[in-house]
Amino acid sequence: MAVSANRLELLQIADAVAREKSIDKTIVIAAMADAIQKAARSRYGQETNIRADINPNTGEMKLQRLMEVVETVEEYDREIALEDARRRNPDAQVGDFIAEQLPPMDFGRIAAQSAKQVIVQKVREAERDRQYDEYKDRIGEIVNGTVKRAEYGNVIVDLGRGEGIVRRDELIPRENYKYGDRIRAYVYDVRREQRGPQIFLSRTHPQFMAKLFTMEVPEIYDGIIEIKSVARDPGSRAKIAVTSRDSSIDPVGACVGMRGSRVQAVVGELQGEKIDIIPWSPSAASFIVNALQPAEVAKVVLDEDAERIEVVVPDDQLSLAIGRRGQNVRLASQLTGWDIDILTEEEESSRRQKEFTERSALFMDALNVDEMVGQVLASEGFSTVEEVAYVDADEISSIDGFDEETATEIQSRAREYLERIEAEHDAKRRELGVEDELREIPGITTAMLVALGEDGVKTVEDFAGYAVDDLTGWKERKDGETKTFPGILTPFEVSRQDAEAMVMAARLKAGWIEEEELGSDEADDASTEAAE
């Protein structure tokens, strides 16, 4: 069967549009059919149920009016009586549709314009869907493109089958792109928006550098070397932590390459950004010491609960450890996830001497002993009166110059002091109007009740309304720096787990939750911990 010129032209147009927009040809043909249906309704009436079909092989077009078979006709443009339907099709049933062939129609100027708008809209929607489906799976990849235009500091990139945007804050400082420049960037987000899919690109994202190393170092691509973490000050300096699954391969040497060829390729792409390649270690202390390179570290003190580390460096290494404008220590903190405090050996010595003096004075005052005894207790590692009062008596009597009688006397005085302080706190608590019932919550001490009372807490209901962060404090990380906000019970060193148990106990006591709910929550927490 020969295909007429008009039909052939229709198929050629559909094929050309599909190729140009990189969409399926059947979508273009379906859009044409929708346009013809709309034009036909404008001629036969909007309430008429019209269907247009275009054969994708021959280009033949059929225009039909569909009539629903009903018992009683109410809408004569859309329905047909069962009796009339059976004259055309003896097998017709209520609910079926009878198709009535319509003659070919000539499109007027307005109908043609309307049809064109329908086709353009349908094709645009299909193109947007295709772009979104293609790039949503490419998040985390590096793409190459050509600069299409720059507006308000943002760079619009032609990716070939899509268009991406590199916002001003995602460009490396001092970078300047103009029309036609080649650009390489990291896809960090793809979103559906009203004006079409938005592909967000970045050259400052830490993973951009990680992906560049993956492209340059075959061992990383093969999984032999793993990139553990990355920290960047875009355009200036970066640190990358690597480890090797094969003990015979040096991860740092592999990333540097022969005469620095591999790392220089990455540096060149990042506009001369200096890169420190750090060997990763499962030991937090060792990893942090490595991360502070090129500075030498004399000693580290970890506080694992607070994820804070104190680093002691020689006096002449302080400026090197901190770096220009704090850059070195800031990047090391980002790389390791720990808050890092840097002290010189002299500062640490002064601080320890100050702590020793304060502890000695505390023991002298609390235990009513002379300076020598206070200093001996402080030098033996005792830091609080509670430790002295409740430690095993043998630990005190074993100190040089102390005997059992001295140990008993010291512990007796320590307990008397604690009882006196407890009585003072209890009096203060009553003065603040804090109810006795709050003392029944496990883990809460009288000193804590005073702190709570000063914050306006009087009843169990008041305490039950607290969030855990209100009690233990919280952290906010911004621009690579962590800011700590103290909670009401921060001075008492209450853990988040203990604080949560106190709040839940208060809510149970106040009747806000039932015992069964508390049990199910604990079971969920246990199962989560087991899964982790």
Protein backbone atom coordinates (compact mmCIF):
# COMPACT_ATOMS: atom_id res chain seq x y z
CA MET A 1 0.00 0.00 0.00
CA ALA A 2 1.51 3.34 -1.08
CA VAL A 3 1.75 6.07 1.51
CA SER A 4 0.48 9.47 0.36
CA ALA A 5 2.74 12.52 0.37
CA ASN A 6 0.90 14.14 3.30
CA ARG A 7 1.11 11.00 5.40
CA LEU A 8 4.78 10.55 4.57
CA GLU A 9 5.47 14.18 5.46
CA LEU A 10 3.68 13.71 8.81
CA LEU A 11 5.88 10.75 9.72
CA GLN A 12 9.03 12.58 8.61
CA ILE A 13 8.16 15.57 10.80
CA ALA A 14 7.49 13.28 13.81
CA ASP A 15 10.80 11.49 13.22
CA ALA A 16 12.76 14.76 12.91
CA VAL A 17 11.26 16.23 16.11
CA ALA A 18 11.93 13.00 18.02
CA ARG A 19 15.57 12.98 16.92
CA GLU A 20 16.12 16.68 17.65
CA LYS A 21 14.58 16.51 21.14
CA SER A 22 15.95 13.00 21.92
CA ILE A 23 12.54 11.63 22.76
CA ASP A 24 10.52 8.63 21.58
CA LYS A 25 8.83 9.04 18.18
CA THR A 26 5.61 7.53 19.55
CA ILE A 27 5.37 10.44 22.03
CA VAL A 28 5.47 12.95 19.13
CA ILE A 29 2.81 11.01 17.19
CA ALA A 30 0.62 10.83 20.33
CA ALA A 31 1.03 14.63 20.75
CA MET A 32 -0.09 15.14 17.15
CA ALA A 33 -3.12 12.94 17.77
CA ASP A 34 -4.01 14.98 20.89
CA ALA A 35 -3.71 18.18 18.86
CA ILE A 36 -6.04 16.83 16.18
CA GLN A 37 -8.54 15.77 18.85
CA LYS A 38 -8.52 19.27 20.33
CA ALA A 39 -9.02 20.87 16.93
CA ALA A 40 -11.86 18.45 16.14
CA ARG A 41 -13.62 19.26 19.43
CA SER A 42 -13.51 22.98 18.61
CA ARG A 43 -15.44 22.13 15.41
CA TYR A 44 -17.85 19.43 16.64
CA GLY A 45 -18.31 20.78 20.19
CA GLN A 46 -16.22 20.51 23.35
CA GLU A 47 -18.66 18.06 24.93
CA THR A 48 -18.19 15.58 22.08
CA ASN A 49 -16.01 12.55 22.86
CA ILE A 50 -13.60 12.42 19.91
CA ARG A 51 -10.63 10.11 19.40
CA ALA A 52 -7.90 10.60 16.80
CA ASP A 53 -5.53 7.78 15.87
CA ILE A 54 -2.39 8.05 13.72
CA ASN A 55 -0.82 4.85 12.40
CA PRO A 56 2.93 5.12 13.23
CA ASN A 57 3.83 2.98 10.19
CA THR A 58 1.69 4.48 7.44
CA GLY A 59 0.77 7.89 8.82
CA GLU A 60 -2.93 7.17 8.20
CA MET A 61 -5.20 9.24 10.45
CA LYS A 62 -8.61 8.17 11.75
CA LEU A 63 -11.07 10.52 13.41
CA GLN A 64 -13.90 8.92 15.39
CA ARG A 65 -16.70 10.04 17.65
CA LEU A 66 -17.28 7.71 20.60
CA MET A 67 -20.83 7.24 21.91
CA GLU A 68 -21.47 5.45 25.22
CA VAL A 69 -24.26 2.85 25.20
CA VAL A 70 -26.91 3.66 27.88
CA GLU A 71 -30.48 2.66 28.69
CA THR A 72 -31.81 6.23 28.66
CA VAL A 73 -30.04 8.97 26.71
CA GLU A 74 -29.44 12.21 28.64
CA GLU A 75 -26.51 13.70 26.70
CA TYR A 76 -27.15 13.30 22.99
CA ASP A 77 -23.62 14.35 22.00
CA ARG A 78 -21.97 11.59 24.08
CA GLU A 79 -24.56 8.82 24.54
CA ILE A 80 -26.58 6.43 22.40
CA ALA A 81 -29.58 4.30 23.36
CA LEU A 82 -29.04 0.54 23.62
CA GLU A 83 -31.70 -0.12 20.95
CA ASP A 84 -30.00 2.22 18.43
CA ALA A 85 -26.57 0.81 19.27
CA ARG A 86 -27.71 -2.76 18.53
CA ARG A 87 -28.76 -1.71 15.04
CA ARG A 88 -25.08 -0.98 14.38
CA ASN A 89 -23.62 -3.74 16.53
CA PRO A 90 -25.93 -6.59 17.65
CA ASP A 91 -23.53 -7.47 20.51
CA ALA A 92 -23.57 -4.00 22.09
CA GLN A 93 -24.08 -3.83 25.87
CA VAL A 94 -24.69 -0.95 28.30
CA GLY A 95 -21.34 0.67 29.08
CA ASP A 96 -19.78 -0.16 25.71
CA PHE A 97 -18.72 2.54 23.25
CA ILE A 98 -19.83 2.78 19.62
CA ALA A 99 -17.30 4.40 17.28
CA GLU A 100 -18.64 6.60 14.51
CA GLN A 101 -16.25 7.49 11.70
CA LEU A 102 -15.91 11.23 11.05
CA PRO A 103 -14.90 12.72 7.70
CA PRO A 104 -11.41 14.28 7.36
CA MET A 105 -11.44 17.92 8.35
CA ASP A 106 -9.61 20.97 7.11
CA PHE A 107 -7.80 22.92 9.80
CA GLY A 108 -8.48 26.61 9.92
CA ARG A 109 -5.80 29.10 11.00
CA ILE A 110 -6.96 29.22 14.64
CA ALA A 111 -7.37 25.45 14.89
CA ALA A 112 -3.91 24.92 13.39
CA GLN A 113 -2.37 27.39 15.83
CA SER A 114 -4.10 25.66 18.75
CA ALA A 115 -2.90 22.26 17.52
CA LYS A 116 0.66 23.59 17.24
CA GLN A 117 0.56 24.78 20.86
CA VAL A 118 -0.63 21.34 22.03
CA ILE A 119 2.17 19.59 20.14
CA VAL A 120 4.84 22.01 21.41
CA GLN A 121 3.60 21.61 25.01
CA LYS A 122 3.48 17.80 24.84
CA VAL A 123 6.94 17.60 23.26
CA ARG A 124 8.37 20.01 25.86
CA GLU A 125 6.91 17.91 28.71
CA ALA A 126 8.34 14.73 27.20
CA GLU A 127 11.74 16.40 26.79
CA ARG A 128 11.70 17.54 30.45
CA ASP A 129 10.75 14.05 31.65
CA ARG A 130 13.54 12.57 29.57
CA GLN A 131 16.08 15.03 31.00
CA TYR A 132 15.00 14.40 34.58
CA ASP A 133 15.00 10.59 34.18
CA GLU A 134 18.45 10.71 32.59
CA TYR A 135 20.17 13.01 35.09
CA LYS A 136 18.49 11.93 38.36
CA ASP A 137 20.54 8.74 38.14
CA ARG A 138 23.74 10.71 37.49
CA ILE A 139 23.83 12.50 40.85
CA GLY A 140 27.34 12.00 42.20
CA GLU A 141 28.98 11.91 38.76
CA ILE A 142 31.27 14.36 36.96
CA VAL A 143 29.91 15.81 33.72
CA ASN A 144 31.53 17.85 30.95
CA GLY A 145 29.80 20.70 29.19
CA THR A 146 30.13 23.99 27.37
CA VAL A 147 29.37 27.38 28.89
CA LYS A 148 26.16 28.66 27.33
CA ARG A 149 25.97 31.95 29.19
CA ALA A 150 26.84 33.62 32.48
CA GLU A 151 24.23 35.62 34.37
CA TYR A 152 24.53 37.30 37.79
CA GLY A 153 27.65 35.25 38.51
CA ASN A 154 25.90 31.93 37.77
CA VAL A 155 27.12 29.83 34.84
CA ILE A 156 24.63 28.03 32.58
CA VAL A 157 26.17 24.90 31.08
CA ASP A 158 25.10 23.06 27.93
CA LEU A 159 25.45 19.34 28.72
CA GLY A 160 24.39 18.19 25.25
CA ARG A 161 21.17 16.45 26.31
CA GLY A 162 20.36 18.89 29.09
CA GLU A 163 21.22 22.20 30.69
CA GLY A 164 22.90 22.59 34.10
CA ILE A 165 23.65 25.52 36.34
CA VAL A 166 26.73 26.25 38.42
CA ARG A 167 25.72 28.83 41.01
CA ARG A 168 28.16 31.54 41.99
CA ASP A 169 28.88 29.96 45.40
CA GLU A 170 29.60 26.60 43.71
CA LEU A 171 32.38 28.06 41.56
CA ILE A 172 36.00 28.09 42.73
CA PRO A 173 36.96 31.65 43.76
CA ARG A 174 38.57 33.74 41.01
CA GLU A 175 37.23 31.42 38.30
CA ASN A 176 35.84 33.30 35.31
CA TYR A 177 33.99 31.50 32.55
CA LYS A 178 32.78 32.98 29.27
CA TYR A 179 30.68 31.71 26.37
CA GLY A 180 32.08 28.62 24.68
CA ASP A 181 34.48 27.58 27.49
CA ARG A 182 34.68 23.90 28.38
CA ILE A 183 33.76 23.16 32.00
CA ARG A 184 33.84 20.05 34.17
CA ALA A 185 31.61 19.86 37.27
CA TYR A 186 29.99 17.54 39.82
CA VAL A 187 26.23 16.80 39.69
CA TYR A 188 25.05 17.20 43.29
CA ASP A 189 21.29 17.62 42.83
CA VAL A 190 18.55 17.24 40.21
CA ARG A 191 15.09 18.63 40.94
CA ARG A 192 11.76 18.80 39.15
CA GLU A 193 10.64 22.43 38.98
CA GLN A 194 7.88 24.35 37.24
CA ARG A 195 10.20 25.56 34.49
CA GLY A 196 11.62 22.09 33.94
CA PRO A 197 14.24 19.85 35.57
CA GLN A 198 17.07 21.80 37.24
CA ILE A 199 20.50 20.15 37.16
CA PHE A 200 22.69 21.69 39.86
CA LEU A 201 26.45 21.45 39.33
CA SER A 202 29.35 22.24 41.63
CA ARG A 203 33.11 22.71 41.43
CA THR A 204 33.52 23.36 45.16
CA HIS A 205 31.83 20.18 46.48
CA PRO A 206 34.28 17.92 48.39
CA GLN A 207 33.15 14.94 46.33
CA PHE A 208 34.19 16.73 43.12
CA MET A 209 37.80 16.34 44.20
CA ALA A 210 37.17 12.73 45.30
CA LYS A 211 35.72 11.88 41.86
CA LEU A 212 38.68 13.54 40.11
CA PHE A 213 41.05 11.31 42.11
CA THR A 214 38.91 8.30 41.16
CA MET A 215 39.40 9.20 37.49
CA GLU A 216 43.15 9.75 37.86
CA VAL A 217 44.05 6.85 40.20
CA PRO A 218 43.17 3.37 38.86
CA GLU A 219 43.60 1.83 42.34
CA ILE A 220 40.74 3.99 43.66
CA TYR A 221 38.54 3.09 40.69
CA ASP A 222 39.27 -0.61 41.27
CA GLY A 223 38.46 -0.33 44.98
CA ILE A 224 41.96 -1.19 46.21
CA ILE A 225 42.35 2.29 47.70
CA GLU A 226 39.40 3.89 49.47
CA ILE A 227 38.78 7.62 50.00
CA LYS A 228 37.56 7.92 53.59
CA SER A 229 36.88 11.65 53.82
CA VAL A 230 37.54 14.94 52.07
CA ALA A 231 37.75 18.53 53.34
CA ARG A 232 38.17 21.54 51.06
CA ASP A 233 38.75 25.24 51.20
CA PRO A 234 37.96 25.67 47.47
CA GLY A 235 40.69 27.27 45.41
CA SER A 236 43.12 27.37 48.35
CA ARG A 237 43.76 24.08 50.11
CA ALA A 238 42.27 20.62 50.64
CA LYS A 239 42.88 17.46 52.63
CA ILE A 240 41.91 13.96 51.54
CA ALA A 241 42.16 10.84 53.74
CA VAL A 242 42.92 7.55 51.98
CA THR A 243 43.48 3.96 53.04
CA SER A 244 44.53 0.81 51.20
CA ARG A 245 42.84 -2.59 51.32
CA ASP A 246 46.13 -4.12 50.11
CA SER A 247 49.01 -3.78 52.58
CA SER A 248 51.54 -3.90 49.73
CA ILE A 249 50.18 -0.70 48.16
CA ASP A 250 50.97 2.69 49.67
CA PRO A 251 47.74 4.74 49.37
CA VAL A 252 49.47 8.12 49.57
CA GLY A 253 52.12 7.19 47.00
CA ALA A 254 49.49 5.80 44.61
CA CYS A 255 47.50 9.05 44.78
CA VAL A 256 50.60 11.21 44.29
CA GLY A 257 51.77 9.20 41.27
CA MET A 258 55.10 9.14 39.50
CA ARG A 259 56.75 12.53 40.12
CA GLY A 260 53.39 13.82 41.30
CA SER A 261 51.70 13.30 37.93
CA ARG A 262 48.36 12.08 39.33
CA VAL A 263 47.90 14.69 42.03
CA GLN A 264 49.06 17.45 39.67
CA ALA A 265 46.31 16.54 37.21
CA VAL A 266 43.76 17.10 39.99
CA VAL A 267 45.48 20.29 41.18
CA GLY A 268 45.39 21.65 37.62
CA GLU A 269 41.64 21.06 37.35
CA LEU A 270 41.08 22.77 40.74
CA GLN A 271 42.94 25.96 39.75
CA GLY A 272 46.10 25.21 41.74
CA GLU A 273 44.38 24.13 44.97
CA LYS A 274 47.03 22.65 47.30
CA ILE A 275 46.14 19.09 48.31
CA ASP A 276 47.39 17.24 51.42
CA ILE A 277 46.96 13.47 51.02
CA ILE A 278 46.56 11.97 54.50
CA PRO A 279 46.87 8.27 55.44
CA TRP A 280 43.65 7.30 57.24
CA SER A 281 43.86 5.40 60.54
CA PRO A 282 41.14 3.60 62.56
CA SER A 283 42.68 5.21 65.65
CA ALA A 284 41.16 8.67 66.06
CA ALA A 285 44.31 10.01 67.73
CA SER A 286 46.62 8.79 64.94
CA PHE A 287 44.26 10.03 62.25
CA ILE A 288 44.07 13.52 63.79
CA VAL A 289 47.85 13.68 64.16
CA ASN A 290 48.15 12.80 60.45
CA ALA A 291 45.44 15.33 59.52
CA LEU A 292 47.36 18.17 61.15
CA GLN A 293 50.36 17.63 58.87
CA PRO A 294 52.75 19.28 58.20
CA ALA A 295 52.71 20.31 61.90
CA GLU A 296 54.35 18.00 64.44
CA VAL A 297 52.23 16.92 67.43
CA ALA A 298 53.70 16.25 70.87
CA LYS A 299 50.62 14.85 72.64
CA VAL A 300 46.87 14.32 72.20
CA VAL A 301 44.07 14.00 74.77
CA LEU A 302 40.73 12.61 73.55
CA ASP A 303 37.24 13.20 74.93
CA GLU A 304 35.27 10.57 73.01
CA ASP A 305 31.86 11.48 74.47
CA ALA A 306 32.12 15.09 73.31
CA GLU A 307 34.09 14.14 70.13
CA ARG A 308 36.66 16.72 71.10
CA ILE A 309 40.43 16.32 71.08
CA GLU A 310 43.14 18.41 72.66
CA VAL A 311 46.35 18.57 70.66
CA VAL A 312 49.61 19.73 72.24
CA VAL A 313 52.29 21.00 69.85
CA PRO A 314 55.77 22.46 70.41
CA ASP A 315 55.76 26.25 70.73
CA ASP A 316 57.45 26.73 67.34
CA GLN A 317 54.82 24.53 65.61
CA LEU A 318 51.72 26.45 66.76
CA SER A 319 51.35 28.74 63.75
CA LEU A 320 51.95 25.80 61.37
CA ALA A 321 49.32 23.64 63.12
CA ILE A 322 46.71 26.39 63.08
CA GLY A 323 47.54 27.53 59.57
CA ARG A 324 46.76 30.83 57.88
CA ARG A 325 43.47 32.15 59.29
CA GLY A 326 42.98 28.81 61.04
CA GLN A 327 42.81 26.96 57.73
CA ASN A 328 44.91 23.90 58.67
CA VAL A 329 43.08 23.08 61.91
CA ARG A 330 39.69 23.85 60.33
CA LEU A 331 40.30 21.43 57.45
CA ALA A 332 41.65 18.79 59.87
CA SER A 333 38.46 19.16 61.95
CA GLN A 334 36.25 18.76 58.85
CA LEU A 335 38.28 15.77 57.67
CA THR A 336 38.13 13.88 60.98
CA GLY A 337 34.75 15.06 62.32
CA TRP A 338 36.34 15.98 65.68
CA ASP A 339 36.55 19.38 67.35
CA ILE A 340 40.25 20.14 67.73
CA ASP A 341 41.75 22.41 70.39
CA ILE A 342 45.40 23.26 69.85
CA LEU A 343 47.67 24.18 72.78
CA THR A 344 51.40 24.80 73.01
CA GLU A 345 53.42 22.78 75.50
CA GLU A 346 53.81 25.91 77.61
CA GLU A 347 50.03 26.59 77.62
CA GLU A 348 49.31 22.99 78.54
CA SER A 349 51.84 23.07 81.36
CA SER A 350 50.34 26.31 82.71
CA ARG A 351 46.83 24.92 82.53
CA ARG A 352 47.76 21.69 84.27
CA GLN A 353 49.50 23.67 87.00
CA LYS A 354 46.37 25.80 87.40
CA GLU A 355 44.14 22.70 87.63
CA PHE A 356 46.51 21.15 90.17
CA THR A 357 46.41 24.31 92.29
CA GLU A 358 42.60 24.49 92.10
CA ARG A 359 42.19 20.83 93.11
CA SER A 360 44.65 21.21 95.96
CA ALA A 361 42.73 24.26 97.21
CA LEU A 362 39.43 22.35 96.91
CA PHE A 363 40.73 19.49 99.08
CA MET A 364 42.27 21.89 101.61
CA ASP A 365 38.95 23.73 101.98
CA ALA A 366 36.59 20.74 101.87
CA LEU A 367 38.62 18.34 104.02
CA ASN A 368 40.20 20.94 106.32
CA VAL A 369 43.71 19.63 105.67
CA ASP A 370 47.03 21.38 105.16
CA GLU A 371 48.51 22.26 101.75
CA MET A 372 50.78 19.22 101.60
CA VAL A 373 47.89 16.72 102.01
CA GLY A 374 45.80 18.61 99.44
CA GLN A 375 48.66 18.53 96.93
CA VAL A 376 49.30 14.81 97.54
CA LEU A 377 45.65 13.95 96.85
CA ALA A 378 45.65 16.11 93.69
CA SER A 379 48.91 14.56 92.44
CA GLU A 380 47.51 11.04 92.98
CA GLY A 381 44.78 11.78 90.41
CA PHE A 382 41.82 12.65 92.64
CA SER A 383 39.81 15.44 91.01
CA THR A 384 36.62 15.67 93.13
CA VAL A 385 35.62 15.29 96.76
CA GLU A 386 33.19 12.52 95.71
CA GLU A 387 36.11 10.41 94.46
CA VAL A 388 37.89 10.81 97.81
CA ALA A 389 34.73 10.03 99.80
CA TYR A 390 33.66 6.86 98.03
CA VAL A 391 36.87 5.32 96.67
CA ASP A 392 38.13 2.14 98.34
CA ALA A 393 39.96 3.12 101.56
CA ASP A 394 42.97 1.02 100.53
CA GLU A 395 43.68 3.42 97.63
CA ILE A 396 44.14 6.30 100.06
CA SER A 397 46.00 4.33 102.75
CA SER A 398 48.45 3.02 100.10
CA ILE A 399 49.67 6.58 99.38
CA ASP A 400 53.14 7.22 100.82
CA GLY A 401 52.84 8.89 104.24
CA PHE A 402 49.18 7.85 104.73
CA ASP A 403 47.92 4.99 106.93
CA GLU A 404 44.50 3.41 107.50
CA GLU A 405 43.60 5.82 110.27
CA THR A 406 44.47 8.83 108.07
CA ALA A 407 42.47 7.37 105.17
CA THR A 408 39.42 6.81 107.39
CA GLU A 409 39.62 10.36 108.75
CA ILE A 410 39.98 11.90 105.26
CA GLN A 411 36.99 9.94 103.91
CA SER A 412 34.93 10.85 107.00
CA ARG A 413 35.60 14.54 106.44
CA ALA A 414 34.85 14.19 102.72
CA ARG A 415 31.44 12.62 103.44
CA GLU A 416 30.62 15.29 106.04
CA TYR A 417 31.46 17.97 103.48
CA LEU A 418 29.23 16.34 100.85
CA GLU A 419 26.35 16.04 103.35
CA ARG A 420 26.71 19.73 104.19
CA ILE A 421 26.68 20.73 100.51
CA GLU A 422 23.67 18.44 99.92
CA ALA A 423 21.79 20.14 102.78
CA GLU A 424 22.61 23.58 101.32
CA HIS A 425 21.40 22.51 97.87
CA ASP A 426 18.21 21.06 99.35
CA ALA A 427 17.49 24.31 101.16
CA LYS A 428 18.09 26.25 97.94
CA ARG A 429 15.82 23.83 96.07
CA ARG A 430 12.99 24.41 98.54
CA GLU A 431 13.52 28.14 98.36
CA LEU A 432 13.13 27.97 94.55
CA GLY A 433 9.86 26.04 94.96
CA VAL A 434 10.98 22.81 93.26
CA GLU A 435 8.62 19.99 94.32
CA ASP A 436 9.84 16.91 96.22
CA GLU A 437 8.29 14.66 93.58
CA LEU A 438 11.05 15.62 91.11
CA ARG A 439 13.62 13.95 93.40
CA GLU A 440 11.99 10.58 92.64
CA ILE A 441 13.13 10.67 88.99
CA PRO A 442 16.17 8.34 88.69
CA GLY A 443 19.46 10.13 88.01
CA ILE A 444 18.47 13.58 89.23
CA THR A 445 20.59 14.97 92.07
CA THR A 446 19.79 17.82 94.45
CA ALA A 447 22.37 20.03 92.71
CA MET A 448 20.59 19.38 89.41
CA LEU A 449 17.26 20.32 91.01
CA VAL A 450 18.74 23.69 91.97
CA ALA A 451 19.88 24.27 88.36
CA LEU A 452 16.43 23.24 87.08
CA GLY A 453 14.71 25.48 89.62
CA GLU A 454 16.80 28.45 88.48
CA ASP A 455 15.56 27.71 84.95
CA GLY A 456 11.94 27.89 86.12
CA VAL A 457 11.22 24.16 86.58
CA LYS A 458 8.98 23.49 89.59
CA THR A 459 7.02 20.31 88.82
CA VAL A 460 7.36 16.95 87.10
CA GLU A 461 5.20 18.32 84.25
CA ASP A 462 7.65 21.20 83.77
CA PHE A 463 10.57 18.77 83.51
CA ALA A 464 8.62 16.41 81.20
CA GLY A 465 8.31 19.24 78.68
CA TYR A 466 12.09 19.41 78.17
CA ALA A 467 13.82 18.16 75.01
CA VAL A 468 17.08 16.26 75.51
CA ASP A 469 19.02 19.11 73.83
CA ASP A 470 17.69 21.51 76.49
CA LEU A 471 19.43 19.39 79.14
CA THR A 472 22.67 18.29 77.46
CA GLY A 473 23.18 21.08 74.93
CA TRP A 474 23.65 20.78 71.18
CA LYS A 475 26.07 21.55 68.36
CA GLU A 476 25.65 23.44 65.13
CA ARG A 477 28.17 23.16 62.29
CA LYS A 478 28.49 26.08 59.92
CA ASP A 479 31.24 27.02 57.47
CA GLY A 480 33.37 24.15 58.75
CA GLU A 481 33.23 25.33 62.37
CA THR A 482 31.28 23.68 65.17
CA LYS A 483 29.57 25.89 67.72
CA THR A 484 28.52 24.30 71.02
CA PHE A 485 25.47 25.49 72.95
CA PRO A 486 25.40 24.34 76.61
CA GLY A 487 22.33 22.76 78.24
CA ILE A 488 21.00 23.16 81.76
CA LEU A 489 22.71 19.96 82.96
CA THR A 490 25.93 20.40 80.95
CA PRO A 491 27.98 21.25 84.12
CA PHE A 492 26.94 17.87 85.57
CA GLU A 493 28.28 15.95 82.53
CA VAL A 494 24.99 14.08 81.95
CA SER A 495 25.05 11.92 78.80
CA ARG A 496 22.29 12.16 76.19
CA GLN A 497 21.19 8.61 77.01
CA ASP A 498 20.81 9.41 80.73
CA ALA A 499 19.04 12.70 79.98
CA GLU A 500 16.59 10.92 77.68
CA ALA A 501 15.88 8.32 80.40
CA MET A 502 15.16 11.14 82.89
CA VAL A 503 12.75 12.91 80.52
CA MET A 504 10.91 9.67 79.65
CA ALA A 505 10.61 8.80 83.36
CA ALA A 506 9.13 12.26 84.01
CA ARG A 507 6.62 11.86 81.16
CA LEU A 508 5.63 8.45 82.51
CA LYS A 509 5.20 9.91 85.99
CA ALA A 510 3.18 12.84 84.62
CA GLY A 511 0.89 10.44 82.76
CA TRP A 512 1.86 11.67 79.32
CA ILE A 513 2.81 8.17 78.18
CA GLU A 514 2.01 4.62 79.29
CA GLU A 515 4.43 1.98 80.54
CA GLU A 516 3.75 -0.11 77.39
CA GLU A 517 4.79 2.79 75.12
CA LEU A 518 7.99 3.25 77.09
CA GLY A 519 8.78 -0.45 76.72
CA SER A 520 8.13 -0.45 72.97
CA ASP A 521 10.35 2.61 72.51
CA GLU A 522 13.19 0.89 74.39
CA ALA A 523 12.72 -2.24 72.27
CA ASP A 524 12.90 -0.15 69.10
CA ASP A 525 16.08 1.53 70.32
CA ALA A 526 17.62 -1.84 71.17
CA SER A 527 16.76 -3.28 67.74
CA THR A 528 18.20 -0.17 66.04
CA GLU A 529 21.44 -0.48 68.01
CA ALA A 530 21.64 -4.19 67.17
CA ALA A 531 21.14 -3.44 63.48
CA GLU A 532 23.87 -0.82 63.58
